[in-house]
N, C-alpha and C. Protein backbone atom coordinates (compact mmCIF):
# COMPACT_ATOMS: atom_id res chain seq x y z
N MET A 1 33.01 100.51 164.24
CA MET A 1 32.96 99.66 163.65
C MET A 1 32.71 99.20 162.34
N GLN A 2 31.99 100.18 161.43
CA GLN A 2 31.19 99.82 160.15
C GLN A 2 32.75 100.35 160.00
N LYS A 3 33.79 100.94 160.07
CA LYS A 3 34.65 101.55 159.41
C LYS A 3 35.71 100.21 159.10
N THR A 4 35.89 99.45 160.14
CA THR A 4 36.58 98.43 160.20
C THR A 4 36.08 97.28 159.42
N ASP A 5 34.64 97.12 159.39
CA ASP A 5 34.41 96.35 158.46
C ASP A 5 34.60 96.51 157.05
N ASN A 6 34.45 98.07 156.92
CA ASN A 6 34.94 98.42 155.28
C ASN A 6 36.24 98.02 154.74
N TRP A 7 37.31 98.32 155.97
CA TRP A 7 38.71 97.75 155.72
C TRP A 7 38.92 96.19 155.57
N MET A 8 38.13 95.61 155.97
CA MET A 8 37.91 93.90 156.01
C MET A 8 37.49 93.58 154.56
N VAL A 9 36.48 94.28 154.09
CA VAL A 9 35.72 94.06 152.74
C VAL A 9 37.13 94.38 151.53
N LEU A 10 37.49 95.55 151.72
CA LEU A 10 38.81 96.24 150.91
C LEU A 10 39.96 95.08 150.84
N LEU A 11 40.60 94.76 152.05
CA LEU A 11 41.33 93.84 152.18
C LEU A 11 41.16 92.39 151.24
N GLY A 12 39.72 91.62 151.48
CA GLY A 12 39.57 90.55 151.27
C GLY A 12 39.27 90.86 149.75
N THR A 13 38.94 91.64 149.55
CA THR A 13 38.57 92.03 147.58
C THR A 13 40.28 91.78 147.07
N GLY A 14 40.81 93.01 147.67
CA GLY A 14 42.50 92.92 147.20
C GLY A 14 42.80 91.51 147.30
N ILE A 15 43.00 90.58 148.16
CA ILE A 15 43.66 89.34 148.49
C ILE A 15 43.21 88.56 147.27
N LEU A 16 41.77 88.55 147.05
CA LEU A 16 40.69 88.00 145.86
C LEU A 16 41.19 88.35 144.58
N LEU A 17 41.97 89.32 144.07
CA LEU A 17 41.64 90.07 143.01
C LEU A 17 43.86 89.35 142.64
N ILE A 18 44.35 89.66 143.73
CA ILE A 18 45.93 89.22 143.67
C ILE A 18 46.23 87.90 143.35
N SER A 19 44.96 86.95 144.49
CA SER A 19 45.24 85.46 143.99
C SER A 19 44.56 85.17 142.81
N LEU A 20 43.56 85.58 142.33
CA LEU A 20 43.55 85.05 140.83
C LEU A 20 44.11 85.30 139.69
N VAL A 21 44.86 86.95 139.63
CA VAL A 21 45.67 87.39 138.98
C VAL A 21 46.70 86.35 138.92
N GLY A 22 47.57 86.34 140.06
CA GLY A 22 48.42 84.95 140.50
C GLY A 22 48.14 83.63 140.30
N SER A 23 47.49 83.12 139.92
CA SER A 23 46.96 81.75 139.37
C SER A 23 46.67 81.89 138.07
N ALA A 24 46.16 83.24 137.53
CA ALA A 24 46.25 82.79 135.85
C ALA A 24 47.05 83.19 135.04
N LEU A 25 48.57 83.60 136.02
CA LEU A 25 49.79 84.01 135.51
C LEU A 25 50.84 82.99 135.46
N GLY A 26 50.21 82.09 136.79
CA GLY A 26 51.25 80.88 137.36
C GLY A 26 51.09 79.97 136.17
N GLY A 27 49.93 79.73 135.92
CA GLY A 27 49.48 78.39 134.97
C GLY A 27 49.65 78.66 133.67
N GLN A 28 50.15 79.18 132.92
CA GLN A 28 50.54 79.99 131.69
C GLN A 28 52.14 78.94 131.80
N PRO A 29 52.49 78.26 130.54
CA PRO A 29 53.68 77.57 130.47
C PRO A 29 54.93 78.48 130.17
N ASP A 30 55.98 77.95 130.15
CA ASP A 30 57.08 78.40 130.40
C ASP A 30 57.75 78.37 128.78
N ASN A 31 58.09 79.10 128.28
CA ASN A 31 57.98 79.32 126.61
C ASN A 31 59.84 79.38 126.48
N GLY A 32 60.28 79.74 127.61
CA GLY A 32 61.81 80.16 127.46
C GLY A 32 61.93 81.53 126.76
N PRO A 33 63.06 82.23 126.66
CA PRO A 33 63.16 83.56 126.26
C PRO A 33 62.45 84.10 125.09
N PRO A 34 62.04 85.05 124.55
CA PRO A 34 61.57 85.22 123.19
C PRO A 34 62.89 85.53 122.23
N PRO A 35 62.09 84.76 120.98
CA PRO A 35 63.26 84.61 119.83
C PRO A 35 63.86 86.12 119.33
N PRO A 36 65.32 86.03 118.94
CA PRO A 36 65.76 87.38 118.75
C PRO A 36 65.17 88.06 117.57
N PRO A 37 65.07 89.16 117.77
CA PRO A 37 64.73 89.98 116.44
C PRO A 37 64.81 89.42 115.02
N GLY A 38 64.49 89.20 114.15
CA GLY A 38 64.41 89.22 112.82
C GLY A 38 64.40 87.42 112.64
N GLY A 39 64.15 86.60 113.50
CA GLY A 39 64.27 85.24 113.31
C GLY A 39 65.71 84.64 113.60
N ASP A 40 65.35 83.37 113.18
CA ASP A 40 66.91 82.60 113.10
C ASP A 40 67.39 83.32 112.16
N TYR A 41 69.09 82.88 112.16
CA TYR A 41 70.00 83.31 111.00
C TYR A 41 71.28 82.46 111.55
N HIS A 42 71.93 82.32 110.08
CA HIS A 42 73.23 81.43 110.44
C HIS A 42 74.26 82.78 109.29
N PHE A 43 75.71 82.04 109.30
CA PHE A 43 76.23 83.32 108.54
C PHE A 43 77.39 81.51 107.41
N MET A 44 77.39 82.21 106.17
CA MET A 44 77.84 81.55 105.55
C MET A 44 78.68 81.88 104.59
N LEU A 45 79.88 81.21 104.40
CA LEU A 45 80.78 81.67 103.40
C LEU A 45 80.83 81.89 102.35
N THR A 46 80.80 82.68 101.64
CA THR A 46 80.54 83.22 100.14
C THR A 46 81.80 83.54 99.57
N THR A 47 81.83 83.49 98.36
CA THR A 47 83.15 84.17 97.54
C THR A 47 82.66 85.06 96.31
N VAL A 48 83.54 86.17 96.02
CA VAL A 48 83.35 86.70 95.23
C VAL A 48 84.79 86.94 94.02
N SER A 49 84.04 86.83 92.76
CA SER A 49 85.47 86.89 91.89
C SER A 49 85.24 87.95 90.86
N GLN A 50 86.67 88.07 90.53
CA GLN A 50 86.67 89.38 89.59
C GLN A 50 87.74 89.06 88.52
N THR A 51 87.27 89.53 87.60
CA THR A 51 88.94 88.95 86.17
C THR A 51 88.77 90.38 85.46
N ILE A 52 89.97 90.62 85.45
CA ILE A 52 90.44 92.13 84.45
C ILE A 52 91.95 91.58 83.68
N THR A 53 91.33 92.38 82.70
CA THR A 53 92.74 91.71 81.49
C THR A 53 92.80 93.07 80.93
N GLY A 54 93.83 92.86 80.53
CA GLY A 54 95.11 94.00 80.54
C GLY A 54 96.38 94.04 79.78
N SER A 55 97.06 95.00 79.69
CA SER A 55 98.35 94.97 79.16
C SER A 55 99.65 95.87 79.37
N GLY A 56 100.59 95.61 79.54
CA GLY A 56 101.44 96.63 80.05
C GLY A 56 102.68 96.90 79.03
N GLN A 57 103.35 97.90 78.87
CA GLN A 57 104.93 98.36 78.36
C GLN A 57 105.60 97.20 79.21
N GLU A 58 106.70 97.46 78.47
CA GLU A 58 107.91 97.17 79.26
C GLU A 58 108.69 97.81 80.04
N ASN A 59 109.12 97.69 81.56
CA ASN A 59 109.43 98.41 82.34
C ASN A 59 107.96 99.24 82.66
N SER A 60 107.31 98.77 83.32
CA SER A 60 105.96 99.79 83.51
C SER A 60 104.52 99.17 84.15
N GLN A 61 103.93 99.84 85.15
CA GLN A 61 102.94 99.14 85.96
C GLN A 61 101.64 99.87 86.29
N LYS A 62 100.67 99.00 86.40
CA LYS A 62 99.46 99.71 86.14
C LYS A 62 98.80 99.22 87.83
N ASP A 63 98.23 100.50 88.82
CA ASP A 63 97.35 99.99 89.32
C ASP A 63 95.89 99.69 89.57
N TYR A 64 95.23 98.86 90.19
CA TYR A 64 93.95 98.54 90.20
C TYR A 64 93.33 98.85 91.61
N ASN A 65 92.37 99.84 92.00
CA ASN A 65 91.70 99.46 93.03
C ASN A 65 90.55 98.84 92.98
N ILE A 66 90.45 97.68 94.59
CA ILE A 66 89.54 96.78 94.38
C ILE A 66 89.25 97.30 95.98
N THR A 67 87.34 97.40 95.72
CA THR A 67 86.87 97.95 96.77
C THR A 67 85.94 96.63 98.02
N VAL A 68 86.36 96.43 98.99
CA VAL A 68 85.56 95.19 99.58
C VAL A 68 84.63 95.81 100.36
N ASN A 69 83.51 95.67 100.22
CA ASN A 69 82.48 96.44 100.99
C ASN A 69 81.89 95.51 101.83
N TYR A 70 82.40 94.36 102.15
CA TYR A 70 81.32 93.18 103.15
C TYR A 70 82.26 93.65 104.76
N THR A 71 81.94 92.94 105.85
CA THR A 71 82.46 93.12 107.03
C THR A 71 82.81 91.11 106.47
N ASN A 72 83.18 90.64 107.98
CA ASN A 72 83.67 89.20 108.39
C ASN A 72 84.49 88.50 106.75
N LEU A 73 85.60 89.38 106.57
CA LEU A 73 86.26 88.90 105.22
C LEU A 73 87.31 87.68 105.99
N ALA A 74 87.14 86.68 105.46
CA ALA A 74 87.95 85.61 105.71
C ALA A 74 89.33 85.54 104.75
N THR A 75 88.88 85.48 103.63
CA THR A 75 90.42 85.36 102.64
C THR A 75 90.56 86.54 101.92
N PHE A 76 91.47 86.78 100.95
CA PHE A 76 91.54 87.87 99.91
C PHE A 76 92.81 87.48 98.91
N SER A 77 92.38 86.84 97.78
CA SER A 77 93.65 86.84 97.10
C SER A 77 93.73 87.25 95.53
N ALA A 78 95.00 87.61 95.14
CA ALA A 78 94.99 88.35 93.78
C ALA A 78 96.26 87.07 92.81
N THR A 79 95.88 86.80 91.72
CA THR A 79 96.54 85.62 91.10
C THR A 79 96.88 86.73 89.55
N LEU A 80 97.70 86.45 89.36
CA LEU A 80 98.21 87.05 88.03
C LEU A 80 98.82 86.23 87.07
N THR A 81 98.20 86.05 85.62
CA THR A 81 98.72 84.81 84.52
C THR A 81 98.90 85.67 83.64
N TRP A 82 99.94 85.26 82.78
CA TRP A 82 100.17 85.58 81.56
C TRP A 82 100.74 84.89 80.51
N GLN A 83 100.60 84.77 79.35
CA GLN A 83 101.44 83.94 78.50
C GLN A 83 101.81 84.76 77.08
N ASP A 84 103.38 84.65 77.26
CA ASP A 84 104.07 85.29 75.96
C ASP A 84 103.37 85.02 74.71
N GLU A 85 103.67 86.35 73.87
CA GLU A 85 102.86 85.88 72.77
C GLU A 85 103.97 85.16 71.47
N PRO A 86 103.49 85.39 70.62
CA PRO A 86 104.40 84.16 69.60
C PRO A 86 105.12 85.23 68.80
N ALA A 87 106.54 84.70 68.79
CA ALA A 87 107.78 85.29 67.99
C ALA A 87 107.17 85.81 66.93
N ASN A 88 107.72 86.71 66.45
CA ASN A 88 107.90 87.83 65.51
C ASN A 88 107.37 87.20 64.14
N ARG A 89 108.64 86.68 63.83
CA ARG A 89 108.56 85.84 62.42
C ARG A 89 109.33 84.41 62.52
N PRO A 90 109.04 83.74 61.55
CA PRO A 90 109.49 82.27 61.31
C PRO A 90 111.12 81.97 61.80
N GLY A 91 111.60 81.04 62.33
CA GLY A 91 113.03 80.99 62.60
C GLY A 91 113.60 81.81 63.90
N GLN A 92 112.15 82.33 65.08
CA GLN A 92 112.78 83.48 65.84
C GLN A 92 112.34 82.49 67.06
N THR A 93 112.50 82.74 68.40
CA THR A 93 111.81 82.22 69.62
C THR A 93 111.54 83.58 70.50
N ASN A 94 110.42 83.77 70.92
CA ASN A 94 110.22 84.99 72.04
C ASN A 94 110.89 84.58 73.41
N GLN A 95 111.81 85.22 74.13
CA GLN A 95 112.42 85.06 75.30
C GLN A 95 111.50 85.40 76.46
N PRO A 96 111.72 84.69 77.61
CA PRO A 96 110.21 84.74 78.64
C PRO A 96 110.45 86.41 79.03
N ASP A 97 109.15 86.83 79.63
CA ASP A 97 109.44 88.26 80.56
C ASP A 97 108.83 88.34 82.00
N GLU A 98 109.52 88.96 82.40
CA GLU A 98 109.36 89.34 83.72
C GLU A 98 108.25 89.95 84.12
N LEU A 99 107.03 89.23 84.96
CA LEU A 99 105.89 90.17 85.48
C LEU A 99 105.86 90.04 87.04
N GLY A 100 105.20 90.79 87.70
CA GLY A 100 105.05 90.91 89.14
C GLY A 100 103.83 91.39 89.71
N LEU A 101 103.80 91.20 91.08
CA LEU A 101 102.33 91.36 91.28
C LEU A 101 102.96 91.75 92.88
N THR A 102 101.44 93.04 93.22
CA THR A 102 101.77 93.83 94.86
C THR A 102 100.61 93.78 94.81
N ALA A 103 100.42 93.78 96.33
CA ALA A 103 99.00 93.67 97.12
C ALA A 103 98.77 94.06 98.22
N ALA A 104 97.94 95.55 98.35
CA ALA A 104 98.04 96.25 99.90
C ALA A 104 97.00 96.10 100.36
N SER A 105 96.43 95.76 102.00
CA SER A 105 95.63 95.68 101.96
C SER A 105 95.12 97.34 102.47
N PRO A 106 93.75 96.99 103.13
CA PRO A 106 93.11 98.50 103.72
C PRO A 106 94.14 99.41 104.53
N ALA A 107 94.67 98.13 105.77
CA ALA A 107 95.32 98.58 106.78
C ALA A 107 96.58 98.67 106.74
N GLY A 108 96.88 98.47 105.29
CA GLY A 108 98.59 98.79 104.77
C GLY A 108 99.48 97.52 104.96
N GLU A 109 99.22 96.60 104.71
CA GLU A 109 99.97 95.20 104.84
C GLU A 109 100.13 94.86 103.44
N ALA A 110 101.26 94.70 102.92
CA ALA A 110 101.89 94.67 101.81
C ALA A 110 102.38 93.45 101.59
N ARG A 111 102.02 92.76 100.27
CA ARG A 111 103.04 91.36 99.66
C ARG A 111 103.11 91.35 98.50
N SER A 112 104.28 90.70 97.71
CA SER A 112 105.06 90.89 96.48
C SER A 112 105.28 89.74 95.59
N ASP A 113 105.43 89.59 94.99
CA ASP A 113 106.18 88.30 94.11
C ASP A 113 106.22 88.84 92.38
N LYS A 114 107.37 88.12 91.64
CA LYS A 114 107.68 88.29 90.95
C LYS A 114 107.94 86.61 89.81
N LYS A 115 108.16 86.67 88.70
CA LYS A 115 108.28 85.88 87.80
C LYS A 115 109.02 85.99 86.57
N THR A 116 110.15 85.56 86.33
CA THR A 116 110.51 85.19 84.40
C THR A 116 109.65 83.92 83.94
N ALA A 117 108.90 83.99 83.31
CA ALA A 117 108.45 82.44 82.19
C ALA A 117 107.70 83.31 80.68
N SER A 118 107.73 82.45 79.93
CA SER A 118 106.90 82.64 79.22
C SER A 118 105.76 82.59 79.05
N GLN A 119 105.15 81.58 80.26
CA GLN A 119 103.57 81.29 80.69
C GLN A 119 103.92 81.02 82.22
N GLY A 120 103.68 82.29 82.76
CA GLY A 120 103.65 82.12 83.89
C GLY A 120 102.45 82.46 84.79
N GLU A 121 102.65 82.46 86.03
CA GLU A 121 101.71 82.79 87.47
C GLU A 121 102.01 83.20 88.77
N VAL A 122 101.88 84.16 88.87
CA VAL A 122 101.95 84.84 90.54
C VAL A 122 100.80 85.22 91.41
N THR A 123 100.35 84.66 92.59
CA THR A 123 99.37 84.51 93.53
C THR A 123 99.93 85.03 94.79
N LEU A 124 99.51 86.44 95.55
CA LEU A 124 99.48 86.37 96.41
C LEU A 124 97.74 86.13 97.32
N ASP A 125 98.09 85.25 98.25
CA ASP A 125 97.09 85.40 99.33
C ASP A 125 97.01 85.59 100.77
N PHE A 126 95.93 86.40 101.45
CA PHE A 126 95.79 87.03 102.52
C PHE A 126 94.70 86.09 103.23
N ALA A 127 94.90 86.05 104.77
CA ALA A 127 93.88 85.11 105.32
C ALA A 127 93.81 86.17 106.46
N PHE A 128 92.48 86.07 106.95
CA PHE A 128 92.06 86.98 107.95
C PHE A 128 91.60 85.67 109.34
N PRO A 129 91.64 85.92 110.54
CA PRO A 129 91.07 85.06 111.60
C PRO A 129 89.54 85.27 111.65
N VAL A 130 88.92 85.14 111.28
CA VAL A 130 86.80 84.98 111.57
C VAL A 130 86.44 83.79 110.67
N THR A 131 85.68 83.03 111.80
CA THR A 131 84.83 82.45 111.37
C THR A 131 83.30 82.56 111.68
N GLU A 132 82.65 81.45 111.22
CA GLU A 132 81.03 81.36 111.61
C GLU A 132 81.07 82.16 112.79
N LYS A 133 81.98 81.28 113.82
CA LYS A 133 81.16 81.39 115.34
C LYS A 133 81.89 83.30 115.69
N THR A 134 83.05 83.27 114.95
CA THR A 134 83.25 84.70 115.32
C THR A 134 82.45 85.99 114.91
N ALA A 135 82.22 85.54 113.73
CA ALA A 135 81.29 86.36 112.88
C ALA A 135 80.06 86.72 113.37
N ALA A 136 79.23 85.85 114.01
CA ALA A 136 78.04 85.50 114.77
C ALA A 136 78.23 86.44 116.09
N SER A 137 79.45 86.70 116.61
CA SER A 137 79.14 87.29 117.83
C SER A 137 79.70 88.61 117.62
N LYS A 138 80.68 88.78 116.48
CA LYS A 138 80.91 90.19 116.66
C LYS A 138 81.58 90.19 115.24
N ALA A 139 80.85 91.84 114.04
CA ALA A 139 81.34 91.74 112.85
C ALA A 139 82.98 92.66 113.11
N SER A 140 83.27 91.52 111.92
CA SER A 140 84.95 91.97 111.30
C SER A 140 85.06 92.93 110.49
N LYS A 141 85.76 93.62 111.09
CA LYS A 141 86.00 95.09 109.55
C LYS A 141 87.57 94.84 108.96
N ALA A 142 88.13 93.64 109.64
CA ALA A 142 89.73 93.43 108.92
C ALA A 142 89.30 93.46 107.29
N GLY A 143 90.01 93.79 106.64
CA GLY A 143 90.22 93.93 105.27
C GLY A 143 89.00 94.08 104.40
N GLN A 144 88.36 94.92 104.67
CA GLN A 144 87.26 95.96 104.53
C GLN A 144 87.70 97.50 103.99
N GLY A 145 87.20 97.71 102.80
CA GLY A 145 88.17 98.78 102.56
C GLY A 145 88.23 98.78 100.76
N SER A 146 89.34 99.87 101.01
CA SER A 146 90.29 99.94 99.40
C SER A 146 91.36 98.90 99.48
N TRP A 147 91.52 97.94 98.89
CA TRP A 147 92.76 97.17 98.19
C TRP A 147 93.54 97.90 97.14
N THR A 148 95.24 98.13 96.83
CA THR A 148 95.60 98.54 96.14
C THR A 148 96.30 97.25 95.60
N VAL A 149 96.03 96.77 93.78
CA VAL A 149 96.67 95.69 93.26
C VAL A 149 97.38 96.01 92.19
N THR A 150 99.01 96.29 92.53
CA THR A 150 99.82 96.43 90.89
C THR A 150 100.23 95.74 90.50
N VAL A 151 99.82 95.67 88.89
CA VAL A 151 100.82 94.49 88.19
C VAL A 151 101.80 95.35 87.83
N GLU A 152 103.20 94.94 87.28
CA GLU A 152 104.46 94.93 86.75
C GLU A 152 104.91 94.66 85.96
N VAL A 153 105.02 95.58 84.86
CA VAL A 153 105.41 94.34 83.63
C VAL A 153 107.02 94.70 83.58
N GLY A 154 108.11 94.02 83.73
CA GLY A 154 109.37 94.03 84.30
C GLY A 154 109.97 94.09 82.53
N PRO A 155 111.32 93.51 82.23
CA PRO A 155 111.87 93.59 81.25
C PRO A 155 111.59 92.40 80.28
N CYS A 156 111.11 92.59 79.77
CA CYS A 156 110.27 91.16 78.54
C CYS A 156 111.63 90.94 77.42
N GLY A 157 111.70 89.75 77.55
CA GLY A 157 112.45 89.06 76.81
C GLY A 157 112.54 89.20 75.08
N ASP A 158 113.41 89.69 74.03
CA ASP A 158 113.58 90.06 72.86
C ASP A 158 113.05 88.69 72.24
N HIS A 159 112.32 89.28 70.64
CA HIS A 159 112.69 87.89 69.59
C HIS A 159 113.69 87.43 69.30
N THR A 160 114.26 86.53 69.46
CA THR A 160 115.83 86.02 68.87
C THR A 160 115.87 84.75 68.06
N PRO A 161 116.39 84.90 67.29
CA PRO A 161 116.79 83.85 66.15
C PRO A 161 117.21 82.61 66.91
N LEU A 162 116.48 81.53 65.89
CA LEU A 162 116.91 80.33 66.52
C LEU A 162 118.63 79.86 66.37
N LEU A 163 119.52 80.62 65.08
CA LEU A 163 120.74 80.37 64.61
C LEU A 163 121.27 81.65 65.45
N PRO A 164 122.14 81.69 65.80
CA PRO A 164 123.06 82.36 66.11
C PRO A 164 123.25 84.04 65.57
N ASP A 165 123.19 84.88 66.31
CA ASP A 165 122.84 86.35 65.53
C ASP A 165 124.03 87.33 66.55
N PRO A 166 125.72 86.79 66.11
CA PRO A 166 126.25 87.95 66.59
C PRO A 166 126.10 89.40 66.74
N LEU A 167 125.69 89.75 65.79
CA LEU A 167 125.39 91.10 65.26
C LEU A 167 124.32 91.76 65.56
N GLY A 168 123.28 90.64 66.30
CA GLY A 168 121.86 91.16 66.32
C GLY A 168 120.88 91.90 65.46
N LEU A 169 121.46 91.75 63.81
CA LEU A 169 120.19 91.92 63.03
C LEU A 169 119.19 91.29 63.05
N ARG A 170 119.00 90.37 63.36
CA ARG A 170 117.69 89.14 63.38
C ARG A 170 117.12 89.49 64.69
N THR A 171 117.54 90.31 65.55
CA THR A 171 116.78 90.47 67.03
C THR A 171 115.75 91.21 67.02
N THR A 172 114.44 91.33 67.51
CA THR A 172 113.60 92.23 67.72
C THR A 172 113.27 92.11 68.81
N PRO A 173 113.12 93.75 69.32
CA PRO A 173 112.61 93.61 70.84
C PRO A 173 111.09 93.26 70.92
N ASP A 174 110.96 93.01 72.14
CA ASP A 174 109.77 92.74 73.01
C ASP A 174 109.53 94.22 73.45
N SER A 175 107.89 94.48 73.21
CA SER A 175 107.70 95.90 74.08
C SER A 175 106.85 95.51 75.30
N GLY A 176 106.17 94.41 75.49
CA GLY A 176 105.59 94.11 76.31
C GLY A 176 104.51 93.31 76.72
N ASN A 177 103.79 92.92 77.41
CA ASN A 177 102.88 91.67 77.75
C ASN A 177 101.17 91.99 78.11
N ALA A 178 100.45 91.29 77.40
CA ALA A 178 98.97 91.13 77.92
C ALA A 178 98.79 90.63 79.22
N PHE A 179 98.14 90.21 80.22
CA PHE A 179 98.09 89.52 81.37
C PHE A 179 96.58 89.38 82.04
N THR A 180 96.48 88.91 82.62
CA THR A 180 94.86 88.68 83.51
C THR A 180 94.94 88.47 84.71
N LEU A 181 94.33 89.15 85.81
CA LEU A 181 93.99 89.43 87.01
C LEU A 181 93.04 89.21 87.37
N GLU A 182 93.10 87.95 88.47
CA GLU A 182 91.85 87.47 89.02
C GLU A 182 91.71 87.86 90.45
N ILE A 183 90.68 88.54 90.96
CA ILE A 183 90.73 88.81 92.48
C ILE A 183 89.60 87.75 92.88
N THR A 184 89.83 87.32 94.18
CA THR A 184 89.13 86.48 94.70
C THR A 184 88.56 86.56 96.25
N TYR A 185 88.08 87.00 96.73
CA TYR A 185 87.90 87.23 98.12
C TYR A 185 86.46 86.57 98.89
N SER A 186 86.57 86.03 100.13
CA SER A 186 85.55 85.22 100.57
C SER A 186 85.22 85.90 102.33
N TYR A 187 84.16 85.79 102.20
CA TYR A 187 83.37 86.46 103.64
C TYR A 187 82.25 85.70 104.40
N PHE A 188 82.06 85.88 105.43
CA PHE A 188 80.72 85.19 106.23
C PHE A 188 79.56 86.37 105.95
N MET A 189 78.88 85.69 104.96
CA MET A 189 77.42 86.53 105.05
C MET A 189 76.35 85.94 105.58
N LYS A 190 75.54 87.01 106.68
CA LYS A 190 74.89 86.69 107.21
C LYS A 190 73.45 86.08 106.59
N MET A 191 72.56 85.03 107.01
CA MET A 191 71.58 84.72 106.04
C MET A 191 70.58 83.87 107.12
N LYS A 192 69.54 83.89 106.69
CA LYS A 192 68.27 84.05 107.04
C LYS A 192 67.89 82.86 107.24
N GLY A 193 67.43 82.21 108.50
CA GLY A 193 67.10 80.92 109.03
C GLY A 193 68.07 80.16 109.52
N ALA A 194 67.97 78.81 110.03
CA ALA A 194 68.44 77.96 110.81
C ALA A 194 69.48 76.88 110.01
N MET A 195 70.88 76.43 110.05
CA MET A 195 71.34 75.67 109.01
C MET A 195 70.83 74.53 109.35
């Protein structure tokens, strides 16, 4: 009989403890899932620009390696501009020069264009299917790495006289041209705080 009483006391104490713990926990408000580690964040489109000045001899080319260290690249653009130098002496005009541009992505996708002009511009654009929403779900590595951008100086128009020069005695060659190369790319950067 005493043995049964001891079991009853133990059983009653266990039930009492369980009900006390259950009522304590059951009375807490539900705050939902815990916040993500590091707090709130959003993705913002950020632009990086780099300007390179150079010059090239006629029928030559120069390679530039551009390293993009960021994920979630949205756009990459290379723009080549040039202005032909003035004529060597009075009574001459400087004929237009041909300059071209090639850009190759880290994945090997390449685009090219060229133009003959005294004042010219060539632009190559790349776009990647990245949005703020896709950047938040999974980082894109498309476009990340080393890009090769090549500036080509082709045939350069000579300095020719305004009056006819059938023997070419007053014509002087144009040996090359100066240029400006602008690299611009945008990517979605992770930022702290809610929008």
